[in-house]
Amino acid sequence: MQKETNSDNRAELPRVAFLGMGIMGAAMAANLARDGYPVVVWNRSAGSPGVALAAAAGAEVAPDLAGAVRDREMIFSCLGDEKDVASVLGELVLLASIDSLVVDMTTIGPGAARELAGELESAGLRFLDAPVTGGDIGAREGTLTIMVGGRQEDFDTALPLLRVMGKTVEYCGPSGSGQALKLCNQVLCAVNMIGVCEALTLAGNIGLDERLVVDTLGGGAGGSWALSNLGRRIVDGDLGPGFMLRHMIKDLRLIEENAAVELPGTEMARNLFQRVSESSSGADRELGTQAMISAYSNRTVVS
């Protein structure tokens, strides 16, 4: 059955801006546009492939940030790190319409989210922190898990659009709560990747076909999303980003800054990711988190 969209009542829908056309942002913006929402997108690098992807789905491309957010009732962002978010969203104080709802989907940590919420709200804007998990596959297919912090009434306003982009949309509490849950998720992702890489390395070392690990064990007690999806990419020799290695390293730094407890597994994962990044001669911008396997084997990291 074909999915119903909002195309027929487009004039009644909130006008949307989406800032940041990376792997995740472009796919999310495209899903909103295909669902009928009037979407304007903006990216700091106008020639990004993500800009073309969103435009092909029906989004309008703004030449600058001011043009993207002017008269927009809802402004989504998915950027690189907390500095990028502070820089770009800081300009909204001067550019966006009063009472616009800003929904940031970048992972920036709970402290940065609370600080940003205060700055924007003092200027008459509303704010939700709404980081996501599910990788490039989830972004393309609209099956992301979205963790939201902020006011309940603002969450209720954003919920119909979030459901276009995600399968699981969870209200977590006040500002910063979505970010806090996302950091817990990144612990699971990072430590799971250790298990995937070590299982595949063991299989190869004792003469097993690595595909048996993915195909047979994926549905067992040791199975995980990482094994079924990223494990398969590893055995196929695909180290390209579903979620960038450098972003994971950034997220693990945020965990270290926010955690008040020792997390030895997470520290080990961060060291392994860092080792791959430092040995890749700048290729870490083109690598996914499954490139951790390079720390265990003689697989070549290609830039």
C-alpha atoms as a PDB file:
ATOM      1  CA  MET A   1       0.000   0.000   0.000  1.00  0.00           C
ATOM      2  CA  GLN A   2       1.368   3.427  -0.946  1.00  0.00           C
ATOM      3  CA  LYS A   3       2.092   5.680   1.999  1.00  0.00           C
ATOM      4  CA  GLU A   4      -0.291   8.604   2.381  1.00  0.00           C
ATOM      5  CA  THR A   5       1.351  12.006   2.272  1.00  0.00           C
ATOM      6  CA  ASN A   6       0.390  15.568   3.136  1.00  0.00           C
ATOM      7  CA  SER A   7       0.585  16.762  -0.477  1.00  0.00           C
ATOM      8  CA  ASP A   8      -3.136  17.536  -0.722  1.00  0.00           C
ATOM      9  CA  ASN A   9      -3.175  19.902   2.273  1.00  0.00           C
ATOM     10  CA  ARG A  10       0.259  21.428   1.708  1.00  0.00           C
ATOM     11  CA  ALA A  11      -1.020  24.994   2.246  1.00  0.00           C
ATOM     12  CA  GLU A  12      -2.056  24.109   5.803  1.00  0.00           C
ATOM     13  CA  LEU A  13       1.267  22.558   6.793  1.00  0.00           C
ATOM     14  CA  PRO A  14       4.022  24.370   8.714  1.00  0.00           C
ATOM     15  CA  ARG A  15       6.725  25.900   6.564  1.00  0.00           C
ATOM     16  CA  VAL A  16       9.984  24.088   7.289  1.00  0.00           C
ATOM     17  CA  ALA A  17      13.673  24.940   7.002  1.00  0.00           C
ATOM     18  CA  PHE A  18      16.310  22.228   7.247  1.00  0.00           C
ATOM     19  CA  LEU A  19      19.899  23.267   7.920  1.00  0.00           C
ATOM     20  CA  GLY A  20      22.747  20.856   7.162  1.00  0.00           C
ATOM     21  CA  MET A  21      22.706  18.513   4.166  1.00  0.00           C
ATOM     22  CA  GLY A  22      25.085  15.791   5.301  1.00  0.00           C
ATOM     23  CA  ILE A  23      24.330  12.077   5.050  1.00  0.00           C
ATOM     24  CA  MET A  24      21.651  12.266   7.722  1.00  0.00           C
ATOM     25  CA  GLY A  25      20.193  15.729   7.253  1.00  0.00           C
ATOM     26  CA  ALA A  26      19.719  15.423   3.502  1.00  0.00           C
ATOM     27  CA  ALA A  27      17.801  12.154   3.819  1.00  0.00           C
ATOM     28  CA  MET A  28      15.584  13.517   6.602  1.00  0.00           C
ATOM     29  CA  ALA A  29      14.829  16.703   4.686  1.00  0.00           C
ATOM     30  CA  ALA A  30      14.047  14.653   1.581  1.00  0.00           C
ATOM     31  CA  ASN A  31      11.552  12.545   3.528  1.00  0.00           C
ATOM     32  CA  LEU A  32       9.773  15.662   4.775  1.00  0.00           C
ATOM     33  CA  ALA A  33       9.607  17.076   1.249  1.00  0.00           C
ATOM     34  CA  ARG A  34       8.297  13.810  -0.187  1.00  0.00           C
ATOM     35  CA  ASP A  35       5.625  13.767   2.517  1.00  0.00           C
ATOM     36  CA  GLY A  36       4.328  17.085   1.242  1.00  0.00           C
ATOM     37  CA  TYR A  37       5.876  19.550   3.670  1.00  0.00           C
ATOM     38  CA  PRO A  38       7.095  22.833   2.139  1.00  0.00           C
ATOM     39  CA  VAL A  39      10.823  22.482   2.868  1.00  0.00           C
ATOM     40  CA  VAL A  40      13.664  24.916   2.232  1.00  0.00           C
ATOM     41  CA  VAL A  41      17.167  23.517   2.743  1.00  0.00           C
ATOM     42  CA  TRP A  42      20.520  25.184   3.328  1.00  0.00           C
ATOM     43  CA  ASN A  43      24.042  23.862   3.554  1.00  0.00           C
ATOM     44  CA  ARG A  44      27.312  25.694   4.133  1.00  0.00           C
ATOM     45  CA  SER A  45      28.739  23.944   1.052  1.00  0.00           C
ATOM     46  CA  ALA A  46      26.194  24.590  -1.686  1.00  0.00           C
ATOM     47  CA  GLY A  47      27.662  21.892  -3.926  1.00  0.00           C
ATOM     48  CA  SER A  48      27.084  19.090  -1.435  1.00  0.00           C
ATOM     49  CA  PRO A  49      25.494  15.922  -2.881  1.00  0.00           C
ATOM     50  CA  GLY A  50      22.973  16.153  -0.059  1.00  0.00           C
ATOM     51  CA  VAL A  51      21.644  19.440  -1.427  1.00  0.00           C
ATOM     52  CA  ALA A  52      20.937  17.760  -4.761  1.00  0.00           C
ATOM     53  CA  LEU A  53      19.271  14.800  -3.019  1.00  0.00           C
ATOM     54  CA  ALA A  54      16.899  17.047  -1.073  1.00  0.00           C
ATOM     55  CA  ALA A  55      16.135  19.152  -4.136  1.00  0.00           C
ATOM     56  CA  ALA A  56      15.292  16.033  -6.152  1.00  0.00           C
ATOM     57  CA  ALA A  57      12.748  15.140  -3.475  1.00  0.00           C
ATOM     58  CA  GLY A  58      11.032  18.502  -3.854  1.00  0.00           C
ATOM     59  CA  ALA A  59      12.834  20.774  -1.404  1.00  0.00           C
ATOM     60  CA  GLU A  60      13.682  24.347  -2.311  1.00  0.00           C
ATOM     61  CA  VAL A  61      17.360  25.304  -1.970  1.00  0.00           C
ATOM     62  CA  ALA A  62      18.126  28.602  -0.242  1.00  0.00           C
ATOM     63  CA  PRO A  63      21.208  30.581  -1.277  1.00  0.00           C
ATOM     64  CA  ASP A  64      21.957  31.632   2.299  1.00  0.00           C
ATOM     65  CA  LEU A  65      20.906  31.029   5.885  1.00  0.00           C
ATOM     66  CA  ALA A  66      18.685  34.102   6.010  1.00  0.00           C
ATOM     67  CA  GLY A  67      16.755  32.925   2.981  1.00  0.00           C
ATOM     68  CA  ALA A  68      16.314  29.479   4.484  1.00  0.00           C
ATOM     69  CA  VAL A  69      14.821  30.509   7.820  1.00  0.00           C
ATOM     70  CA  ARG A  70      12.822  33.582   6.816  1.00  0.00           C
ATOM     71  CA  ASP A  71       9.129  33.105   7.718  1.00  0.00           C
ATOM     72  CA  ARG A  72       9.676  29.446   8.641  1.00  0.00           C
ATOM     73  CA  GLU A  73       7.581  28.124  11.488  1.00  0.00           C
ATOM     74  CA  MET A  74       9.838  25.123  12.097  1.00  0.00           C
ATOM     75  CA  ILE A  75      13.615  25.008  11.686  1.00  0.00           C
ATOM     76  CA  PHE A  76      15.444  21.668  11.797  1.00  0.00           C
ATOM     77  CA  SER A  77      19.218  21.344  11.924  1.00  0.00           C
ATOM     78  CA  CYS A  78      21.624  18.437  11.637  1.00  0.00           C
ATOM     79  CA  LEU A  79      25.182  19.740  11.736  1.00  0.00           C
ATOM     80  CA  GLY A  80      28.655  18.517  12.691  1.00  0.00           C
ATOM     81  CA  ASP A  81      29.311  19.256  16.359  1.00  0.00           C
ATOM     82  CA  GLU A  82      28.414  21.611  19.174  1.00  0.00           C
ATOM     83  CA  LYS A  83      30.571  24.433  17.762  1.00  0.00           C
ATOM     84  CA  ASP A  84      28.831  24.215  14.384  1.00  0.00           C
ATOM     85  CA  VAL A  85      25.440  24.219  16.084  1.00  0.00           C
ATOM     86  CA  ALA A  86      26.316  27.212  18.276  1.00  0.00           C
ATOM     87  CA  SER A  87      27.609  29.124  15.244  1.00  0.00           C
ATOM     88  CA  VAL A  88      24.692  28.423  12.903  1.00  0.00           C
ATOM     89  CA  LEU A  89      21.820  28.479  15.368  1.00  0.00           C
ATOM     90  CA  GLY A  90      23.282  31.501  17.114  1.00  0.00           C
ATOM     91  CA  GLU A  91      22.465  33.480  13.976  1.00  0.00           C
ATOM     92  CA  LEU A  92      18.796  32.546  14.239  1.00  0.00           C
ATOM     93  CA  VAL A  93      18.410  35.074  17.039  1.00  0.00           C
ATOM     94  CA  LEU A  94      18.666  37.765  14.354  1.00  0.00           C
ATOM     95  CA  LEU A  95      17.230  35.920  11.353  1.00  0.00           C
ATOM     96  CA  ALA A  96      14.334  33.704  12.402  1.00  0.00           C
ATOM     97  CA  SER A  97      10.742  34.708  13.074  1.00  0.00           C
ATOM     98  CA  ILE A  98       9.712  35.107  16.693  1.00  0.00           C
ATOM     99  CA  ASP A  99       8.104  31.933  18.084  1.00  0.00           C
ATOM    100  CA  SER A 100       9.660  29.655  15.437  1.00  0.00           C
ATOM    101  CA  LEU A 101      10.332  26.165  16.764  1.00  0.00           C
ATOM    102  CA  VAL A 102      13.979  25.119  16.374  1.00  0.00           C
ATOM    103  CA  VAL A 103      14.664  21.371  16.451  1.00  0.00           C
ATOM    104  CA  ASP A 104      18.332  20.423  16.529  1.00  0.00           C
ATOM    105  CA  MET A 105      19.106  16.810  15.623  1.00  0.00           C
ATOM    106  CA  THR A 106      22.883  17.030  16.062  1.00  0.00           C
ATOM    107  CA  THR A 107      24.568  15.227  18.963  1.00  0.00           C
ATOM    108  CA  ILE A 108      25.949  18.052  21.111  1.00  0.00           C
ATOM    109  CA  GLY A 109      25.616  16.809  24.702  1.00  0.00           C
ATOM    110  CA  PRO A 110      23.051  17.784  27.355  1.00  0.00           C
ATOM    111  CA  GLY A 111      24.909  20.810  28.686  1.00  0.00           C
ATOM    112  CA  ALA A 112      25.247  22.445  25.273  1.00  0.00           C
ATOM    113  CA  ALA A 113      21.579  21.721  24.534  1.00  0.00           C
ATOM    114  CA  ARG A 114      20.419  23.394  27.739  1.00  0.00           C
ATOM    115  CA  GLU A 115      22.624  26.414  27.070  1.00  0.00           C
ATOM    116  CA  LEU A 116      21.352  26.734  23.507  1.00  0.00           C
ATOM    117  CA  ALA A 117      17.751  26.393  24.656  1.00  0.00           C
ATOM    118  CA  GLY A 118      18.238  29.288  27.043  1.00  0.00           C
ATOM    119  CA  GLU A 119      19.811  31.523  24.392  1.00  0.00           C
ATOM    120  CA  LEU A 120      17.140  30.870  21.793  1.00  0.00           C
ATOM    121  CA  GLU A 121      14.234  31.103  24.198  1.00  0.00           C
ATOM    122  CA  SER A 122      15.493  34.448  25.520  1.00  0.00           C
ATOM    123  CA  ALA A 123      15.207  35.697  21.932  1.00  0.00           C
ATOM    124  CA  GLY A 124      11.608  34.500  21.587  1.00  0.00           C
ATOM    125  CA  LEU A 125      12.313  31.184  19.835  1.00  0.00           C
ATOM    126  CA  ARG A 126      11.387  27.691  21.027  1.00  0.00           C
ATOM    127  CA  PHE A 127      13.830  24.781  21.114  1.00  0.00           C
ATOM    128  CA  LEU A 128      13.944  20.993  21.151  1.00  0.00           C
ATOM    129  CA  ASP A 129      17.043  18.821  21.248  1.00  0.00           C
ATOM    130  CA  ALA A 130      16.262  15.759  19.134  1.00  0.00           C
ATOM    131  CA  PRO A 131      19.336  13.627  18.361  1.00  0.00           C
ATOM    132  CA  VAL A 132      18.812  10.486  16.318  1.00  0.00           C
ATOM    133  CA  THR A 133      20.150   6.988  15.884  1.00  0.00           C
ATOM    134  CA  GLY A 134      19.715   4.498  13.059  1.00  0.00           C
ATOM    135  CA  GLY A 135      22.455   5.520  10.638  1.00  0.00           C
ATOM    136  CA  ASP A 136      22.153   6.350   6.969  1.00  0.00           C
ATOM    137  CA  ILE A 137      19.739   3.455   6.419  1.00  0.00           C
ATOM    138  CA  GLY A 138      17.331   4.754   9.046  1.00  0.00           C
ATOM    139  CA  ALA A 139      17.583   8.303   7.702  1.00  0.00           C
ATOM    140  CA  ARG A 140      16.766   7.194   4.151  1.00  0.00           C
ATOM    141  CA  GLU A 141      13.940   4.860   5.146  1.00  0.00           C
ATOM    142  CA  GLY A 142      12.405   7.126   7.797  1.00  0.00           C
ATOM    143  CA  THR A 143      12.969   4.545  10.540  1.00  0.00           C
ATOM    144  CA  LEU A 144      15.249   6.513  12.871  1.00  0.00           C
ATOM    145  CA  THR A 145      14.947   6.508  16.631  1.00  0.00           C
ATOM    146  CA  ILE A 146      14.541  10.131  17.715  1.00  0.00           C
ATOM    147  CA  MET A 147      15.130  11.174  21.345  1.00  0.00           C
ATOM    148  CA  VAL A 148      13.612  14.528  22.262  1.00  0.00           C
ATOM    149  CA  GLY A 149      14.185  16.975  25.092  1.00  0.00           C
ATOM    150  CA  GLY A 150      12.322  20.234  25.682  1.00  0.00           C
ATOM    151  CA  ARG A 151       8.814  21.381  26.507  1.00  0.00           C
ATOM    152  CA  GLN A 152       6.029  18.831  26.086  1.00  0.00           C
ATOM    153  CA  GLU A 153       3.897  21.266  24.061  1.00  0.00           C
ATOM    154  CA  ASP A 154       6.737  21.873  21.617  1.00  0.00           C
ATOM    155  CA  PHE A 155       7.274  18.128  21.301  1.00  0.00           C
ATOM    156  CA  ASP A 156       3.580  17.715  20.487  1.00  0.00           C
ATOM    157  CA  THR A 157       3.904  20.359  17.764  1.00  0.00           C
ATOM    158  CA  ALA A 158       6.912  18.688  16.187  1.00  0.00           C
ATOM    159  CA  LEU A 159       5.663  15.104  16.545  1.00  0.00           C
ATOM    160  CA  PRO A 160       3.908  14.749  13.150  1.00  0.00           C
ATOM    161  CA  LEU A 161       7.111  15.777  11.343  1.00  0.00           C
ATOM    162  CA  LEU A 162       9.344  13.676  13.560  1.00  0.00           C
ATOM    163  CA  ARG A 163       7.187  10.658  12.727  1.00  0.00           C
ATOM    164  CA  VAL A 164       7.928  11.198   9.041  1.00  0.00           C
ATOM    165  CA  MET A 165      11.638  10.911   9.799  1.00  0.00           C
ATOM    166  CA  GLY A 166      11.576   8.275  12.523  1.00  0.00           C
ATOM    167  CA  LYS A 167       9.867   5.045  13.522  1.00  0.00           C
ATOM    168  CA  THR A 168      10.472   5.480  17.259  1.00  0.00           C
ATOM    169  CA  VAL A 169      10.009   9.012  18.597  1.00  0.00           C
ATOM    170  CA  GLU A 170      10.429   9.342  22.356  1.00  0.00           C
ATOM    171  CA  TYR A 171       9.847  12.360  24.583  1.00  0.00           C
ATOM    172  CA  CYS A 172      12.589  12.153  27.214  1.00  0.00           C
ATOM    173  CA  GLY A 173      11.967  15.178  29.412  1.00  0.00           C
ATOM    174  CA  PRO A 174      13.221  18.791  29.675  1.00  0.00           C
ATOM    175  CA  SER A 175      15.957  20.329  27.538  1.00  0.00           C
ATOM    176  CA  GLY A 176      19.068  18.173  27.370  1.00  0.00           C
ATOM    177  CA  SER A 177      17.209  14.915  28.049  1.00  0.00           C
ATOM    178  CA  GLY A 178      17.259  13.797  24.432  1.00  0.00           C
ATOM    179  CA  GLN A 179      20.991  14.426  24.326  1.00  0.00           C
ATOM    180  CA  ALA A 180      21.520  12.462  27.538  1.00  0.00           C
ATOM    181  CA  LEU A 181      19.761   9.408  26.107  1.00  0.00           C
ATOM    182  CA  LYS A 182      21.735   9.739  22.877  1.00  0.00           C
ATOM    183  CA  LEU A 183      25.001   9.535  24.824  1.00  0.00           C
ATOM    184  CA  CYS A 184      23.772   6.292  26.402  1.00  0.00           C
ATOM    185  CA  ASN A 185      23.029   5.047  22.889  1.00  0.00           C
ATOM    186  CA  GLN A 186      26.548   5.901  21.744  1.00  0.00           C
ATOM    187  CA  VAL A 187      28.008   3.819  24.568  1.00  0.00           C
ATOM    188  CA  LEU A 188      26.028   0.852  23.240  1.00  0.00           C
ATOM    189  CA  CYS A 189      27.073   1.530  19.647  1.00  0.00           C
ATOM    190  CA  ALA A 190      30.749   1.940  20.479  1.00  0.00           C
ATOM    191  CA  VAL A 191      31.035  -1.101  22.715  1.00  0.00           C
ATOM    192  CA  ASN A 192      28.945  -3.243  20.333  1.00  0.00           C
ATOM    193  CA  MET A 193      31.419  -2.394  17.577  1.00  0.00           C
ATOM    194  CA  ILE A 194      34.230  -3.868  19.653  1.00  0.00           C
ATOM    195  CA  GLY A 195      32.315  -7.142  19.858  1.00  0.00           C
ATOM    196  CA  VAL A 196      31.576  -7.190  16.121  1.00  0.00           C
ATOM    197  CA  CYS A 197      35.200  -6.523  15.171  1.00  0.00           C
ATOM    198  CA  GLU A 198      36.593  -9.076  17.610  1.00  0.00           C
ATOM    199  CA  ALA A 199      34.150 -11.803  16.519  1.00  0.00           C
ATOM    200  CA  LEU A 200      35.002 -11.238  12.840  1.00  0.00           C
ATOM    201  CA  THR A 201      38.724 -11.112  13.598  1.00  0.00           C
ATOM    202  CA  LEU A 202      38.501 -14.382  15.538  1.00  0.00           C
ATOM    203  CA  ALA A 203      36.555 -16.039  12.718  1.00  0.00           C
ATOM    204  CA  GLY A 204      39.132 -15.050  10.132  1.00  0.00           C
ATOM    205  CA  ASN A 205      42.021 -16.109  12.339  1.00  0.00           C
ATOM    206  CA  ILE A 206      40.661 -19.633  12.945  1.00  0.00           C
ATOM    207  CA  GLY A 207      39.694 -20.244   9.330  1.00  0.00           C
ATOM    208  CA  LEU A 208      35.948 -19.516   9.346  1.00  0.00           C
ATOM    209  CA  ASP A 209      34.145 -17.616   6.634  1.00  0.00           C
ATOM    210  CA  GLU A 210      33.364 -14.276   8.293  1.00  0.00           C
ATOM    211  CA  ARG A 211      29.933 -14.240   6.646  1.00  0.00           C
ATOM    212  CA  LEU A 212      28.892 -17.093   8.908  1.00  0.00           C
ATOM    213  CA  VAL A 213      29.280 -14.758  11.879  1.00  0.00           C
ATOM    214  CA  VAL A 214      26.912 -12.217  10.333  1.00  0.00           C
ATOM    215  CA  ASP A 215      24.403 -14.591   8.739  1.00  0.00           C
ATOM    216  CA  THR A 216      24.182 -17.223  11.464  1.00  0.00           C
ATOM    217  CA  LEU A 217      24.815 -15.328  14.673  1.00  0.00           C
ATOM    218  CA  GLY A 218      22.881 -12.173  13.812  1.00  0.00           C
ATOM    219  CA  GLY A 219      19.636 -13.666  15.090  1.00  0.00           C
ATOM    220  CA  GLY A 220      21.131 -15.275  18.182  1.00  0.00           C
ATOM    221  CA  ALA A 221      21.848 -14.093  21.691  1.00  0.00           C
ATOM    222  CA  GLY A 222      24.952 -12.254  20.510  1.00  0.00           C
ATOM    223  CA  GLY A 223      23.199 -10.573  17.623  1.00  0.00           C
ATOM    224  CA  SER A 224      22.843  -6.807  17.288  1.00  0.00           C
ATOM    225  CA  TRP A 225      22.011  -4.074  14.794  1.00  0.00           C
ATOM    226  CA  ALA A 226      25.753  -3.443  14.502  1.00  0.00           C
ATOM    227  CA  LEU A 227      26.475  -7.047  13.592  1.00  0.00           C
ATOM    228  CA  SER A 228      23.662  -7.369  11.060  1.00  0.00           C
ATOM    229  CA  ASN A 229      24.309  -4.042   9.339  1.00  0.00           C
ATOM    230  CA  LEU A 230      27.867  -2.911   9.967  1.00  0.00           C
ATOM    231  CA  GLY A 231      29.259  -6.441  10.236  1.00  0.00           C
ATOM    232  CA  ARG A 232      27.954  -7.101   6.747  1.00  0.00           C
ATOM    233  CA  ARG A 233      29.598  -3.943   5.472  1.00  0.00           C
ATOM    234  CA  ILE A 234      32.885  -5.087   6.982  1.00  0.00           C
ATOM    235  CA  VAL A 235      32.837  -8.482   5.272  1.00  0.00           C
ATOM    236  CA  ASP A 236      31.884  -6.746   2.012  1.00  0.00           C
ATOM    237  CA  GLY A 237      34.923  -4.476   2.372  1.00  0.00           C
ATOM    238  CA  ASP A 238      32.745  -1.372   2.719  1.00  0.00           C
ATOM    239  CA  LEU A 239      34.165   1.023   5.298  1.00  0.00           C
ATOM    240  CA  GLY A 240      32.243   4.036   3.980  1.00  0.00           C
ATOM    241  CA  PRO A 241      30.166   6.060   6.420  1.00  0.00           C
ATOM    242  CA  GLY A 242      26.691   5.197   7.531  1.00  0.00           C
ATOM    243  CA  PHE A 243      27.751   7.152  10.585  1.00  0.00           C
ATOM    244  CA  MET A 244      31.097   8.889  10.317  1.00  0.00           C
ATOM    245  CA  LEU A 245      34.031   7.716  12.407  1.00  0.00           C
ATOM    246  CA  ARG A 246      34.939  11.288  13.270  1.00  0.00           C
ATOM    247  CA  HIS A 247      31.436  11.950  14.590  1.00  0.00           C
ATOM    248  CA  MET A 248      31.646   8.898  16.833  1.00  0.00           C
ATOM    249  CA  ILE A 249      34.952  10.134  18.225  1.00  0.00           C
ATOM    250  CA  LYS A 250      33.265  13.463  18.926  1.00  0.00           C
ATOM    251  CA  ASP A 251      30.354  11.728  20.655  1.00  0.00           C
ATOM    252  CA  LEU A 252      32.707   9.678  22.827  1.00  0.00           C
ATOM    253  CA  ARG A 253      34.443  12.898  23.836  1.00  0.00           C
ATOM    254  CA  LEU A 254      31.047  14.258  24.912  1.00  0.00           C
ATOM    255  CA  ILE A 255      30.437  11.105  26.958  1.00  0.00           C
ATOM    256  CA  GLU A 256      33.770  11.548  28.705  1.00  0.00           C
ATOM    257  CA  GLU A 257      32.957  15.188  29.445  1.00  0.00           C
ATOM    258  CA  ASN A 258      29.521  14.362  30.862  1.00  0.00           C
ATOM    259  CA  ALA A 259      30.067  11.037  32.612  1.00  0.00           C
ATOM    260  CA  ALA A 260      30.687  11.056  36.346  1.00  0.00           C
ATOM    261  CA  VAL A 261      31.637   7.386  36.349  1.00  0.00           C
ATOM    262  CA  GLU A 262      34.387   5.242  34.854  1.00  0.00           C
ATOM    263  CA  LEU A 263      33.348   3.513  31.604  1.00  0.00           C
ATOM    264  CA  PRO A 264      36.252   1.216  30.670  1.00  0.00           C
ATOM    265  CA  GLY A 265      34.558  -0.364  27.639  1.00  0.00           C
ATOM    266  CA  THR A 266      33.721   3.036  26.209  1.00  0.00           C
ATOM    267  CA  GLU A 267      37.286   4.224  26.805  1.00  0.00           C
ATOM    268  CA  MET A 268      38.620   1.186  24.967  1.00  0.00           C
ATOM    269  CA  ALA A 269      36.312   1.880  22.027  1.00  0.00           C
ATOM    270  CA  ARG A 270      37.404   5.505  21.892  1.00  0.00           C
ATOM    271  CA  ASN A 271      41.069   4.469  21.837  1.00  0.00           C
ATOM    272  CA  LEU A 272      40.433   2.033  18.972  1.00  0.00           C
ATOM    273  CA  PHE A 273      38.487   4.584  16.942  1.00  0.00           C
ATOM    274  CA  GLN A 274      41.208   7.153  17.580  1.00  0.00           C
ATOM    275  CA  ARG A 275      43.890   4.705  16.459  1.00  0.00           C
ATOM    276  CA  VAL A 276      42.137   4.182  13.123  1.00  0.00           C
ATOM    277  CA  SER A 277      41.619   7.920  12.671  1.00  0.00           C
ATOM    278  CA  GLU A 278      45.254   8.736  13.357  1.00  0.00           C
ATOM    279  CA  SER A 279      46.488   6.050  10.945  1.00  0.00           C
ATOM    280  CA  SER A 280      44.167   6.940   8.092  1.00  0.00           C
ATOM    281  CA  SER A 281      45.940  10.094   6.853  1.00  0.00           C
ATOM    282  CA  GLY A 282      42.827  12.234   6.764  1.00  0.00           C
ATOM    283  CA  ALA A 283      40.589   9.501   5.378  1.00  0.00           C
ATOM    284  CA  ASP A 284      38.583   9.490   8.621  1.00  0.00           C
ATOM    285  CA  ARG A 285      36.186  11.930   6.968  1.00  0.00           C
ATOM    286  CA  GLU A 286      35.253   9.147   4.547  1.00  0.00           C
ATOM    287  CA  LEU A 287      35.111   6.288   7.050  1.00  0.00           C
ATOM    288  CA  GLY A 288      32.222   4.820   9.015  1.00  0.00           C
ATOM    289  CA  THR A 289      32.432   3.450  12.526  1.00  0.00           C
ATOM    290  CA  GLN A 290      32.892  -0.075  11.136  1.00  0.00           C
ATOM    291  CA  ALA A 291      36.417   1.054  10.176  1.00  0.00           C
ATOM    292  CA  MET A 292      37.317   0.050  13.743  1.00  0.00           C
ATOM    293  CA  ILE A 293      38.084  -3.338  12.152  1.00  0.00           C
ATOM    294  CA  SER A 294      41.285  -1.760  10.790  1.00  0.00           C
ATOM    295  CA  ALA A 295      42.649  -1.647  14.332  1.00  0.00           C
ATOM    296  CA  TYR A 296      42.370  -5.445  14.508  1.00  0.00           C
ATOM    297  CA  SER A 297      43.535  -6.595  11.102  1.00  0.00           C
ATOM    298  CA  ASN A 298      45.612  -5.762   8.061  1.00  0.00           C
ATOM    299  CA  ARG A 299      42.622  -4.352   6.132  1.00  0.00           C
ATOM    300  CA  THR A 300      43.771  -1.223   4.353  1.00  0.00           C
ATOM    301  CA  VAL A 301      42.113   2.099   5.068  1.00  0.00           C
ATOM    302  CA  VAL A 302      41.757   3.802   1.701  1.00  0.00           C
ATOM    303  CA  SER A 303      41.384   7.552   1.438  1.00  0.00           C
END
